[in-house]
Amino acid sequence: MSGEIKTQKFVCPNCGGNLKWNIQKQEFECESCRTPGNVDLSGVPIEQHPIEDYDEAEKAGVSFPEESFAVCQNCGAQVTFSGTQTSTVCPMCGSPQIDAAKQVAGVPPDGLIPFKVDKADAQNAFKGWVKSRWFAPNALKESYQQGKLTGVYLPFWTYDTHSEAHYRGQGGNFVEETDDEGRVETHTEWFPVSGHVQEDFDDIAICDSSPQAKAVAAGVLPYSTEAESRPYVSAYLSGMDAEHYTDGAEVCFDRAEEIIRSELTARAEEDIRMKGYDTGTVDSLDMRHYDVEYKHLLLPAWLSAFAYKGKQYTYMINGETGKVSGERPYSIPKIIAAIVAGLILAFLLYRVFGGSSKNTSYVLPDNPTTAIVYQMDESQYAAGVSGNGAIQTAYWEAAA
């Protein structure tokens, strides 16, 4: 199903250009004449919502089509919005396009954090991250040079809760014993133990975007959602992509529970040690949550995608802090070359410091990735590496 929608446009009163959020100046500005923009940023104050009221809030919202389109008010081109996309740019003239109706469908955003890291700084952060990845394929290291970063406001749910848990587990004490030959061995004696732990959680952030974004979003946390969130105003989306949530607050709370369980398990293990044991393990954890509240926030991120050997890899840079996260491919030829280089170095050290001076050949199994190390004469050695059809040969002169 598709439908035509009307988009919002924020126009400069001086020249009629597009008003956008200037990340470096942290204010709205006309992208044409650089006149500061007078945009009402008051919005609706950010509120927490009881999780038990979520169903009613969801039903009160208006559903949106899987795909919608608008006619650009600037150049007349047709702009298409995908199922979860609520903000984009016109493919012909680059002007911002915001589908405000789709953004507020369902449960509207309570607030957002504006971008604080611009594209150039995000590019540098991505560059540093890529260069620090050992054995990354050259194609990945070239990708940051292409500048393929997209600024996106991603939907998040944040949760507050007071959680308690009754646990059962085992407390262990380390015991040293000496055998008949005087050797000291250490083993652990275990004893059943139980107890109760509790903790208050504030703003557990869960991304509710595409599966690709969800996979890497946890790696760019945290965002300063308590201190830096502002009331939602659609003008912030101008010039950036933005997405509608996919699962909803109730479904995403299951993922928040995983974080809570991990924290309470660690707290229980600490509680066991405080009972006088050297170590502790938790066998079961019966959790209860009280006063659970949620907020719907849009948080800034720079996204980049990279295809390698038929697989898509997604990278994300936190638009507030510049922290980078992402899956990464490995270059098999580079790994093989590193292994072979290590073998060559070990061989040379052996020859220099303790090896025989007789002529000897060393040949690894003949397969698509073959390494050969051999002596050419009394003082010269060679090594060959085959990977992806390329053969490299290096020579060394032995020390006199």
Foldseek 3Di string as FASTA:
>chain_A
DEEEADWDFAADPPPRAGWAQDQQVRFIAGPPPRHTGDDDQQADAFDWAFPVCLVVQQVVFDQDDQKYWYQDPPPRDIDIAGRWWAWDADPPPRWITGRVNNCPGGPHAFWEFFFNQDLVLLLVLCLVVQVPDPQFDVVSNCVSVVSQKAKEFFKKKWKKWKKKKKFKWKFWAWDWDADPVGDIDIDIDIDIDIDMDIDIDGTPIQTQFDPQCNVWVVQQDDDPCPPRIGGDDCSNCTSHIYTHGDPGDVVRVVVVVVVVVVVVQVVVQVVSVVVPGPTIHTDDIGMDIPRMIMGIYTFIWMKDWDDDPRDIKIKIAGSHPRGITIDGDGNPLSVLVVVLVVVVVVVLVCVQPPDDQDFDWDWDDDDQWTWTWGDPDSFKIKIWTHDPRDIDMDMDGHDD
